[in-house]
Amino acid sequence: MSTVAFICLGICGIASLLAAVWIVAYRVGFDEGRLTIPLRMISALAEHQVACLEEDPARTARDLAEHLGLPEIEAQRLIARAEQARAPRTTGLRSA
């Protein structure tokens, strides 16, 4: 066999090995349950905990950050939005 054939076989072997490693790593990531939760659902959960269950907003932010893996700033932003939703809304209409 010529040198060119050995080089081609070597390149194909390395490419096959890299593809196999990538496929295994991809499958392992899904096996660990790395699924995404829509932010709209997380926001509804935060609003429910603060407004309906009347939980402490700081505790709710910590729980969201800890259990869902959200950044602390994002969890606090969701809680601030939930507190705004809990505040009574005023309208320009006078009640009779």
PDB file of N, CA and C in Angstrom:
ATOM      1  N   MET A   1       0.838  -1.182   0.000  1.00  0.00           N
ATOM      2  CA  MET A   1       0.000   0.000   0.000  1.00  0.00           C
ATOM      3  C   MET A   1       0.880   1.241   0.000  1.00  0.00           C
ATOM      4  N   SER A   2       0.355   2.237  -0.600  1.00  0.00           N
ATOM      5  CA  SER A   2       1.132   3.462  -0.680  1.00  0.00           C
ATOM      6  C   SER A   2       0.934   4.312   0.572  1.00  0.00           C
ATOM      7  N   THR A   3       1.745   5.315   0.698  1.00  0.00           N
ATOM      8  CA  THR A   3       1.675   6.239   1.826  1.00  0.00           C
ATOM      9  C   THR A   3       0.368   7.013   1.817  1.00  0.00           C
ATOM     10  N   VAL A   4      -0.125   7.351   0.646  1.00  0.00           N
ATOM     11  CA  VAL A   4      -1.376   8.089   0.532  1.00  0.00           C
ATOM     12  C   VAL A   4      -2.532   7.257   1.081  1.00  0.00           C
ATOM     13  N   ALA A   5      -2.533   5.969   0.832  1.00  0.00           N
ATOM     14  CA  ALA A   5      -3.592   5.087   1.316  1.00  0.00           C
ATOM     15  C   ALA A   5      -3.563   5.012   2.842  1.00  0.00           C
ATOM     16  N   PHE A   6      -2.365   4.929   3.433  1.00  0.00           N
ATOM     17  CA  PHE A   6      -2.255   4.915   4.891  1.00  0.00           C
ATOM     18  C   PHE A   6      -2.752   6.223   5.510  1.00  0.00           C
ATOM     19  N   ILE A   7      -2.419   7.322   4.875  1.00  0.00           N
ATOM     20  CA  ILE A   7      -2.866   8.625   5.384  1.00  0.00           C
ATOM     21  C   ILE A   7      -4.390   8.715   5.301  1.00  0.00           C
ATOM     22  N   CYS A   8      -4.965   8.276   4.184  1.00  0.00           N
ATOM     23  CA  CYS A   8      -6.429   8.302   4.036  1.00  0.00           C
ATOM     24  C   CYS A   8      -7.097   7.401   5.065  1.00  0.00           C
ATOM     25  N   LEU A   9      -6.565   6.221   5.283  1.00  0.00           N
ATOM     26  CA  LEU A   9      -7.117   5.318   6.294  1.00  0.00           C
ATOM     27  C   LEU A   9      -6.996   5.918   7.694  1.00  0.00           C
ATOM     28  N   GLY A  10      -5.897   6.571   7.967  1.00  0.00           N
ATOM     29  CA  GLY A  10      -5.705   7.212   9.267  1.00  0.00           C
ATOM     30  C   GLY A  10      -6.709   8.336   9.498  1.00  0.00           C
ATOM     31  N   ILE A  11      -6.905   9.168   8.497  1.00  0.00           N
ATOM     32  CA  ILE A  11      -7.867  10.276   8.608  1.00  0.00           C
ATOM     33  C   ILE A  11      -9.282   9.729   8.793  1.00  0.00           C
ATOM     34  N   CYS A  12      -9.653   8.706   8.033  1.00  0.00           N
ATOM     35  CA  CYS A  12     -10.987   8.099   8.169  1.00  0.00           C
ATOM     36  C   CYS A  12     -11.163   7.472   9.549  1.00  0.00           C
ATOM     37  N   GLY A  13     -10.127   6.847  10.053  1.00  0.00           N
ATOM     38  CA  GLY A  13     -10.200   6.238  11.391  1.00  0.00           C
ATOM     39  C   GLY A  13     -10.375   7.287  12.476  1.00  0.00           C
ATOM     40  N   ILE A  14      -9.640   8.375  12.383  1.00  0.00           N
ATOM     41  CA  ILE A  14      -9.765   9.451  13.375  1.00  0.00           C
ATOM     42  C   ILE A  14     -11.141  10.104  13.289  1.00  0.00           C
ATOM     43  N   ALA A  15     -11.643  10.326  12.078  1.00  0.00           N
ATOM     44  CA  ALA A  15     -12.972  10.920  11.909  1.00  0.00           C
ATOM     45  C   ALA A  15     -14.050   9.995  12.481  1.00  0.00           C
ATOM     46  N   SER A  16     -13.917   8.696  12.258  1.00  0.00           N
ATOM     47  CA  SER A  16     -14.888   7.740  12.804  1.00  0.00           C
ATOM     48  C   SER A  16     -14.844   7.722  14.326  1.00  0.00           C
ATOM     49  N   LEU A  17     -13.655   7.780  14.879  1.00  0.00           N
ATOM     50  CA  LEU A  17     -13.514   7.798  16.335  1.00  0.00           C
ATOM     51  C   LEU A  17     -14.132   9.063  16.924  1.00  0.00           C
ATOM     52  N   LEU A  18     -13.893  10.214  16.324  1.00  0.00           N
ATOM     53  CA  LEU A  18     -14.480  11.459  16.806  1.00  0.00           C
ATOM     54  C   LEU A  18     -16.004  11.439  16.696  1.00  0.00           C
ATOM     55  N   ALA A  19     -16.535  10.877  15.614  1.00  0.00           N
ATOM     56  CA  ALA A  19     -17.989  10.779  15.453  1.00  0.00           C
ATOM     57  C   ALA A  19     -18.590   9.876  16.527  1.00  0.00           C
ATOM     58  N   ALA A  20     -17.929   8.784  16.837  1.00  0.00           N
ATOM     59  CA  ALA A  20     -18.430   7.872  17.869  1.00  0.00           C
ATOM     60  C   ALA A  20     -18.422   8.544  19.242  1.00  0.00           C
ATOM     61  N   VAL A  21     -17.377   9.278  19.555  1.00  0.00           N
ATOM     62  CA  VAL A  21     -17.309   9.984  20.835  1.00  0.00           C
ATOM     63  C   VAL A  21     -18.411  11.035  20.917  1.00  0.00           C
ATOM     64  N   TRP A  22     -18.656  11.771  19.844  1.00  0.00           N
ATOM     65  CA  TRP A  22     -19.703  12.790  19.835  1.00  0.00           C
ATOM     66  C   TRP A  22     -21.081  12.157  20.030  1.00  0.00           C
ATOM     67  N   ILE A  23     -21.354  11.036  19.369  1.00  0.00           N
ATOM     68  CA  ILE A  23     -22.656  10.369  19.492  1.00  0.00           C
ATOM     69  C   ILE A  23     -22.872   9.891  20.933  1.00  0.00           C
ATOM     70  N   VAL A  24     -21.867   9.304  21.535  1.00  0.00           N
ATOM     71  CA  VAL A  24     -21.991   8.829  22.916  1.00  0.00           C
ATOM     72  C   VAL A  24     -22.215  10.003  23.865  1.00  0.00           C
ATOM     73  N   ALA A  25     -21.459  11.072  23.693  1.00  0.00           N
ATOM     74  CA  ALA A  25     -21.621  12.238  24.567  1.00  0.00           C
ATOM     75  C   ALA A  25     -23.011  12.856  24.400  1.00  0.00           C
ATOM     76  N   TYR A  26     -23.529  12.890  23.193  1.00  0.00           N
ATOM     77  CA  TYR A  26     -24.866  13.432  22.927  1.00  0.00           C
ATOM     78  C   TYR A  26     -25.931  12.584  23.613  1.00  0.00           C
ATOM     79  N   ARG A  27     -25.802  11.266  23.501  1.00  0.00           N
ATOM     80  CA  ARG A  27     -26.779  10.369  24.137  1.00  0.00           C
ATOM     81  C   ARG A  27     -26.721  10.457  25.652  1.00  0.00           C
ATOM     82  N   VAL A  28     -25.558  10.562  26.222  1.00  0.00           N
ATOM     83  CA  VAL A  28     -25.421  10.662  27.677  1.00  0.00           C
ATOM     84  C   VAL A  28     -26.077  11.937  28.177  1.00  0.00           C
ATOM     85  N   GLY A  29     -25.968  13.016  27.447  1.00  0.00           N
ATOM     86  CA  GLY A  29     -26.612  14.273  27.833  1.00  0.00           C
ATOM     87  C   GLY A  29     -28.117  14.124  27.918  1.00  0.00           C
ATOM     88  N   PHE A  30     -28.734  13.400  26.998  1.00  0.00           N
ATOM     89  CA  PHE A  30     -30.178  13.187  27.048  1.00  0.00           C
ATOM     90  C   PHE A  30     -30.563  12.203  28.143  1.00  0.00           C
ATOM     91  N   ASP A  31     -29.714  11.237  28.415  1.00  0.00           N
ATOM     92  CA  ASP A  31     -30.016  10.271  29.474  1.00  0.00           C
ATOM     93  C   ASP A  31     -30.037  10.914  30.847  1.00  0.00           C
ATOM     94  N   GLU A  32     -29.311  12.001  31.027  1.00  0.00           N
ATOM     95  CA  GLU A  32     -29.291  12.683  32.315  1.00  0.00           C
ATOM     96  C   GLU A  32     -30.504  13.568  32.507  1.00  0.00           C
ATOM     97  N   GLY A  33     -31.391  13.640  31.547  1.00  0.00           N
ATOM     98  CA  GLY A  33     -32.621  14.397  31.688  1.00  0.00           C
ATOM     99  C   GLY A  33     -32.458  15.887  31.504  1.00  0.00           C
ATOM    100  N   ARG A  34     -31.575  16.287  30.666  1.00  0.00           N
ATOM    101  CA  ARG A  34     -31.369  17.718  30.432  1.00  0.00           C
ATOM    102  C   ARG A  34     -32.416  18.241  29.467  1.00  0.00           C
ATOM    103  N   LEU A  35     -33.580  18.498  29.980  1.00  0.00           N
ATOM    104  CA  LEU A  35     -34.655  19.044  29.182  1.00  0.00           C
ATOM    105  C   LEU A  35     -34.872  20.494  29.581  1.00  0.00           C
ATOM    106  N   THR A  36     -35.437  21.254  28.703  1.00  0.00           N
ATOM    107  CA  THR A  36     -35.686  22.650  29.010  1.00  0.00           C
ATOM    108  C   THR A  36     -37.134  22.838  29.424  1.00  0.00           C
ATOM    109  N   ILE A  37     -37.359  23.763  30.316  1.00  0.00           N
ATOM    110  CA  ILE A  37     -38.693  24.129  30.760  1.00  0.00           C
ATOM    111  C   ILE A  37     -38.964  25.523  30.200  1.00  0.00           C
ATOM    112  N   PRO A  38     -40.113  25.722  29.567  1.00  0.00           N
ATOM    113  CA  PRO A  38     -40.399  27.049  29.007  1.00  0.00           C
ATOM    114  C   PRO A  38     -40.414  28.119  30.098  1.00  0.00           C
ATOM    115  N   LEU A  39     -39.837  29.270  29.799  1.00  0.00           N
ATOM    116  CA  LEU A  39     -39.758  30.357  30.760  1.00  0.00           C
ATOM    117  C   LEU A  39     -41.148  30.843  31.158  1.00  0.00           C
ATOM    118  N   ARG A  40     -42.103  30.741  30.238  1.00  0.00           N
ATOM    119  CA  ARG A  40     -43.483  31.129  30.541  1.00  0.00           C
ATOM    120  C   ARG A  40     -44.054  30.274  31.676  1.00  0.00           C
ATOM    121  N   MET A  41     -43.720  28.984  31.690  1.00  0.00           N
ATOM    122  CA  MET A  41     -44.194  28.092  32.743  1.00  0.00           C
ATOM    123  C   MET A  41     -43.512  28.409  34.078  1.00  0.00           C
ATOM    124  N   ILE A  42     -42.231  28.722  34.036  1.00  0.00           N
ATOM    125  CA  ILE A  42     -41.511  29.085  35.257  1.00  0.00           C
ATOM    126  C   ILE A  42     -42.071  30.388  35.819  1.00  0.00           C
ATOM    127  N   SER A  43     -42.383  31.333  34.940  1.00  0.00           N
ATOM    128  CA  SER A  43     -42.957  32.604  35.371  1.00  0.00           C
ATOM    129  C   SER A  43     -44.317  32.381  36.024  1.00  0.00           C
ATOM    130  N   ALA A  44     -45.130  31.501  35.445  1.00  0.00           N
ATOM    131  CA  ALA A  44     -46.443  31.200  36.036  1.00  0.00           C
ATOM    132  C   ALA A  44     -46.285  30.544  37.403  1.00  0.00           C
ATOM    133  N   LEU A  45     -45.290  29.677  37.545  1.00  0.00           N
ATOM    134  CA  LEU A  45     -45.029  29.041  38.833  1.00  0.00           C
ATOM    135  C   LEU A  45     -44.623  30.071  39.879  1.00  0.00           C
ATOM    136  N   ALA A  46     -43.740  30.990  39.505  1.00  0.00           N
ATOM    137  CA  ALA A  46     -43.306  32.038  40.432  1.00  0.00           C
ATOM    138  C   ALA A  46     -44.477  32.917  40.837  1.00  0.00           C
ATOM    139  N   GLU A  47     -45.313  33.285  39.870  1.00  0.00           N
ATOM    140  CA  GLU A  47     -46.472  34.119  40.172  1.00  0.00           C
ATOM    141  C   GLU A  47     -47.450  33.393  41.094  1.00  0.00           C
ATOM    142  N   HIS A  48     -47.631  32.103  40.871  1.00  0.00           N
ATOM    143  CA  HIS A  48     -48.540  31.319  41.717  1.00  0.00           C
ATOM    144  C   HIS A  48     -48.016  31.231  43.147  1.00  0.00           C
ATOM    145  N   GLN A  49     -46.712  30.982  43.287  1.00  0.00           N
ATOM    146  CA  GLN A  49     -46.150  30.855  44.632  1.00  0.00           C
ATOM    147  C   GLN A  49     -46.222  32.160  45.404  1.00  0.00           C
ATOM    148  N   VAL A  50     -46.000  33.270  44.733  1.00  0.00           N
ATOM    149  CA  VAL A  50     -46.004  34.567  45.414  1.00  0.00           C
ATOM    150  C   VAL A  50     -47.421  35.081  45.628  1.00  0.00           C
ATOM    151  N   ALA A  51     -48.255  35.025  44.590  1.00  0.00           N
ATOM    152  CA  ALA A  51     -49.582  35.631  44.666  1.00  0.00           C
ATOM    153  C   ALA A  51     -50.607  34.727  45.346  1.00  0.00           C
ATOM    154  N   CYS A  52     -50.662  33.477  44.947  1.00  0.00           N
ATOM    155  CA  CYS A  52     -51.710  32.589  45.464  1.00  0.00           C
ATOM    156  C   CYS A  52     -51.329  31.953  46.801  1.00  0.00           C
ATOM    157  N   LEU A  53     -50.124  31.422  46.866  1.00  0.00           N
ATOM    158  CA  LEU A  53     -49.692  30.742  48.092  1.00  0.00           C
ATOM    159  C   LEU A  53     -49.093  31.687  49.114  1.00  0.00           C
ATOM    160  N   GLU A  54     -48.867  32.938  48.703  1.00  0.00           N
ATOM    161  CA  GLU A  54     -48.313  33.990  49.560  1.00  0.00           C
ATOM    162  C   GLU A  54     -47.006  33.572  50.233  1.00  0.00           C
ATOM    163  N   GLU A  55     -46.129  32.942  49.454  1.00  0.00           N
ATOM    164  CA  GLU A  55     -44.822  32.576  49.971  1.00  0.00           C
ATOM    165  C   GLU A  55     -43.893  33.780  49.931  1.00  0.00           C
ATOM    166  N   ASP A  56     -42.855  33.715  50.737  1.00  0.00           N
ATOM    167  CA  ASP A  56     -41.858  34.783  50.796  1.00  0.00           C
ATOM    168  C   ASP A  56     -41.166  34.902  49.434  1.00  0.00           C
ATOM    169  N   PRO A  57     -41.157  36.092  48.842  1.00  0.00           N
ATOM    170  CA  PRO A  57     -40.536  36.253  47.519  1.00  0.00           C
ATOM    171  C   PRO A  57     -39.047  35.878  47.496  1.00  0.00           C
ATOM    172  N   ALA A  58     -38.317  36.191  48.560  1.00  0.00           N
ATOM    173  CA  ALA A  58     -36.888  35.851  48.587  1.00  0.00           C
ATOM    174  C   ALA A  58     -36.701  34.338  48.602  1.00  0.00           C
ATOM    175  N   ARG A  59     -37.532  33.650  49.358  1.00  0.00           N
ATOM    176  CA  ARG A  59     -37.441  32.182  49.423  1.00  0.00           C
ATOM    177  C   ARG A  59     -37.814  31.573  48.076  1.00  0.00           C
ATOM    178  N   THR A  60     -38.844  32.124  47.441  1.00  0.00           N
ATOM    179  CA  THR A  60     -39.259  31.616  46.139  1.00  0.00           C
ATOM    180  C   THR A  60     -38.148  31.807  45.110  1.00  0.00           C
ATOM    181  N   ALA A  61     -37.479  32.941  45.142  1.00  0.00           N
ATOM    182  CA  ALA A  61     -36.362  33.187  44.214  1.00  0.00           C
ATOM    183  C   ALA A  61     -35.233  32.192  44.454  1.00  0.00           C
ATOM    184  N   ARG A  62     -34.913  31.935  45.721  1.00  0.00           N
ATOM    185  CA  ARG A  62     -33.866  30.947  46.034  1.00  0.00           C
ATOM    186  C   ARG A  62     -34.262  29.556  45.553  1.00  0.00           C
ATOM    187  N   ASP A  63     -35.535  29.184  45.763  1.00  0.00           N
ATOM    188  CA  ASP A  63     -35.997  27.867  45.326  1.00  0.00           C
ATOM    189  C   ASP A  63     -35.917  27.718  43.811  1.00  0.00           C
ATOM    190  N   LEU A  64     -36.332  28.755  43.090  1.00  0.00           N
ATOM    191  CA  LEU A  64     -36.256  28.696  41.629  1.00  0.00           C
ATOM    192  C   LEU A  64     -34.812  28.570  41.163  1.00  0.00           C
ATOM    193  N   ALA A  65     -33.936  29.343  41.773  1.00  0.00           N
ATOM    194  CA  ALA A  65     -32.530  29.296  41.377  1.00  0.00           C
ATOM    195  C   ALA A  65     -31.907  27.943  41.713  1.00  0.00           C
ATOM    196  N   GLU A  66     -32.263  27.399  42.859  1.00  0.00           N
ATOM    197  CA  GLU A  66     -31.652  26.139  43.304  1.00  0.00           C
ATOM    198  C   GLU A  66     -32.191  24.936  42.535  1.00  0.00           C
ATOM    199  N   HIS A  67     -33.502  24.832  42.414  1.00  0.00           N
ATOM    200  CA  HIS A  67     -34.093  23.624  41.850  1.00  0.00           C
ATOM    201  C   HIS A  67     -34.155  23.615  40.327  1.00  0.00           C
ATOM    202  N   LEU A  68     -34.265  24.775  39.730  1.00  0.00           N
ATOM    203  CA  LEU A  68     -34.367  24.829  38.273  1.00  0.00           C
ATOM    204  C   LEU A  68     -33.081  25.259  37.601  1.00  0.00           C
ATOM    205  N   GLY A  69     -32.088  25.605  38.387  1.00  0.00           N
ATOM    206  CA  GLY A  69     -30.804  25.987  37.817  1.00  0.00           C
ATOM    207  C   GLY A  69     -30.819  27.334  37.129  1.00  0.00           C
ATOM    208  N   LEU A  70     -31.716  28.203  37.555  1.00  0.00           N
ATOM    209  CA  LEU A  70     -31.762  29.548  36.989  1.00  0.00           C
ATOM    210  C   LEU A  70     -30.685  30.417  37.622  1.00  0.00           C
ATOM    211  N   PRO A  71     -30.156  31.362  36.887  1.00  0.00           N
ATOM    212  CA  PRO A  71     -29.273  32.342  37.521  1.00  0.00           C
ATOM    213  C   PRO A  71     -30.058  33.144  38.561  1.00  0.00           C
ATOM    214  N   GLU A  72     -29.403  33.544  39.622  1.00  0.00           N
ATOM    215  CA  GLU A  72     -30.063  34.262  40.718  1.00  0.00           C
ATOM    216  C   GLU A  72     -30.751  35.536  40.232  1.00  0.00           C
ATOM    217  N   ILE A  73     -30.105  36.245  39.321  1.00  0.00           N
ATOM    218  CA  ILE A  73     -30.675  37.496  38.810  1.00  0.00           C
ATOM    219  C   ILE A  73     -31.968  37.225  38.049  1.00  0.00           C
ATOM    220  N   GLU A  74     -31.982  36.152  37.262  1.00  0.00           N
ATOM    221  CA  GLU A  74     -33.187  35.811  36.502  1.00  0.00           C
ATOM    222  C   GLU A  74     -34.327  35.416  37.434  1.00  0.00           C
ATOM    223  N   ALA A  75     -34.028  34.672  38.484  1.00  0.00           N
ATOM    224  CA  ALA A  75     -35.061  34.288  39.450  1.00  0.00           C
ATOM    225  C   ALA A  75     -35.623  35.524  40.148  1.00  0.00           C
ATOM    226  N   GLN A  76     -34.769  36.471  40.506  1.00  0.00           N
ATOM    227  CA  GLN A  76     -35.247  37.693  41.150  1.00  0.00           C
ATOM    228  C   GLN A  76     -36.102  38.526  40.193  1.00  0.00           C
ATOM    229  N   ARG A  77     -35.759  38.522  38.910  1.00  0.00           N
ATOM    230  CA  ARG A  77     -36.547  39.249  37.925  1.00  0.00           C
ATOM    231  C   ARG A  77     -37.932  38.623  37.785  1.00  0.00           C
ATOM    232  N   LEU A  78     -38.008  37.315  37.804  1.00  0.00           N
ATOM    233  CA  LEU A  78     -39.304  36.637  37.734  1.00  0.00           C
ATOM    234  C   LEU A  78     -40.162  36.944  38.953  1.00  0.00           C
ATOM    235  N   ILE A  79     -39.529  37.003  40.117  1.00  0.00           N
ATOM    236  CA  ILE A  79     -40.268  37.308  41.347  1.00  0.00           C
ATOM    237  C   ILE A  79     -40.768  38.750  41.309  1.00  0.00           C
ATOM    238  N   ALA A  80     -39.948  39.674  40.809  1.00  0.00           N
ATOM    239  CA  ALA A  80     -40.383  41.070  40.711  1.00  0.00           C
ATOM    240  C   ALA A  80     -41.589  41.178  39.786  1.00  0.00           C
ATOM    241  N   ARG A  81     -41.575  40.436  38.699  1.00  0.00           N
ATOM    242  CA  ARG A  81     -42.719  40.442  37.783  1.00  0.00           C
ATOM    243  C   ARG A  81     -43.949  39.832  38.460  1.00  0.00           C
ATOM    244  N   ALA A  82     -43.762  38.784  39.260  1.00  0.00           N
ATOM    245  CA  ALA A  82     -44.885  38.161  39.964  1.00  0.00           C
ATOM    246  C   ALA A  82     -45.462  39.103  41.012  1.00  0.00           C
ATOM    247  N   GLU A  83     -44.601  39.872  41.672  1.00  0.00           N
ATOM    248  CA  GLU A  83     -45.088  40.830  42.666  1.00  0.00           C
ATOM    249  C   GLU A  83     -45.869  41.961  41.994  1.00  0.00           C
ATOM    250  N   GLN A  84     -45.449  42.353  40.803  1.00  0.00           N
ATOM    251  CA  GLN A  84     -46.205  43.366  40.067  1.00  0.00           C
ATOM    252  C   GLN A  84     -47.579  42.841  39.684  1.00  0.00           C
ATOM    253  N   ALA A  85     -47.649  41.574  39.345  1.00  0.00           N
ATOM    254  CA  ALA A  85     -48.939  40.980  38.995  1.00  0.00           C
ATOM    255  C   ALA A  85     -49.841  40.875  40.222  1.00  0.00           C
ATOM    256  N   ARG A  86     -49.235  40.733  41.397  1.00  0.00           N
ATOM    257  CA  ARG A  86     -50.009  40.607  42.629  1.00  0.00           C
ATOM    258  C   ARG A  86     -50.554  41.962  43.083  1.00  0.00           C
ATOM    259  N   ALA A  87     -49.877  43.051  42.731  1.00  0.00           N
ATOM    260  CA  ALA A  87     -50.304  44.384  43.156  1.00  0.00           C
ATOM    261  C   ALA A  87     -51.657  44.702  42.540  1.00  0.00           C
ATOM    262  N   PRO A  88     -52.518  45.382  43.283  1.00  0.00           N
ATOM    263  CA  PRO A  88     -53.839  45.708  42.724  1.00  0.00           C
ATOM    264  C   PRO A  88     -53.689  46.653  41.542  1.00  0.00           C
ATOM    265  N   ARG A  89     -54.457  46.376  40.530  1.00  0.00           N
ATOM    266  CA  ARG A  89     -54.401  47.199  39.328  1.00  0.00           C
ATOM    267  C   ARG A  89     -55.445  48.290  39.418  1.00  0.00           C
ATOM    268  N   THR A  90     -55.040  49.471  39.087  1.00  0.00           N
ATOM    269  CA  THR A  90     -55.985  50.577  39.091  1.00  0.00           C
ATOM    270  C   THR A  90     -56.379  50.891  37.670  1.00  0.00           C
ATOM    271  N   THR A  91     -57.624  51.184  37.475  1.00  0.00           N
ATOM    272  CA  THR A  91     -58.105  51.562  36.152  1.00  0.00           C
ATOM    273  C   THR A  91     -58.650  52.964  36.221  1.00  0.00           C
ATOM    274  N   GLY A  92     -58.814  53.537  35.107  1.00  0.00           N
ATOM    275  CA  GLY A  92     -59.336  54.891  35.041  1.00  0.00           C
ATOM    276  C   GLY A  92     -60.842  54.956  35.227  1.00  0.00           C
ATOM    277  N   LEU A  93     -61.499  53.829  35.328  1.00  0.00           N
ATOM    278  CA  LEU A  93     -62.941  53.803  35.445  1.00  0.00           C
ATOM    279  C   LEU A  93     -63.359  53.910  36.915  1.00  0.00           C
ATOM    280  N   ARG A  94     -64.371  54.673  37.141  1.00  0.00           N
ATOM    281  CA  ARG A  94     -64.899  54.790  38.508  1.00  0.00           C
ATOM    282  C   ARG A  94     -65.973  53.741  38.679  1.00  0.00           C
ATOM    283  N   SER A  95     -65.967  53.106  39.828  1.00  0.00           N
ATOM    284  CA  SER A  95     -67.011  52.111  40.078  1.00  0.00           C
ATOM    285  C   SER A  95     -68.264  52.824  40.550  1.00  0.00           C
ATOM    286  N   ALA A  96     -69.407  52.296  40.235  1.00  0.00           N
ATOM    287  CA  ALA A  96     -70.667  52.933  40.577  1.00  0.00           C
ATOM    288  C   ALA A  96     -71.083  52.642  41.989  1.00  0.00           C
TER     289      ALA A  96
END
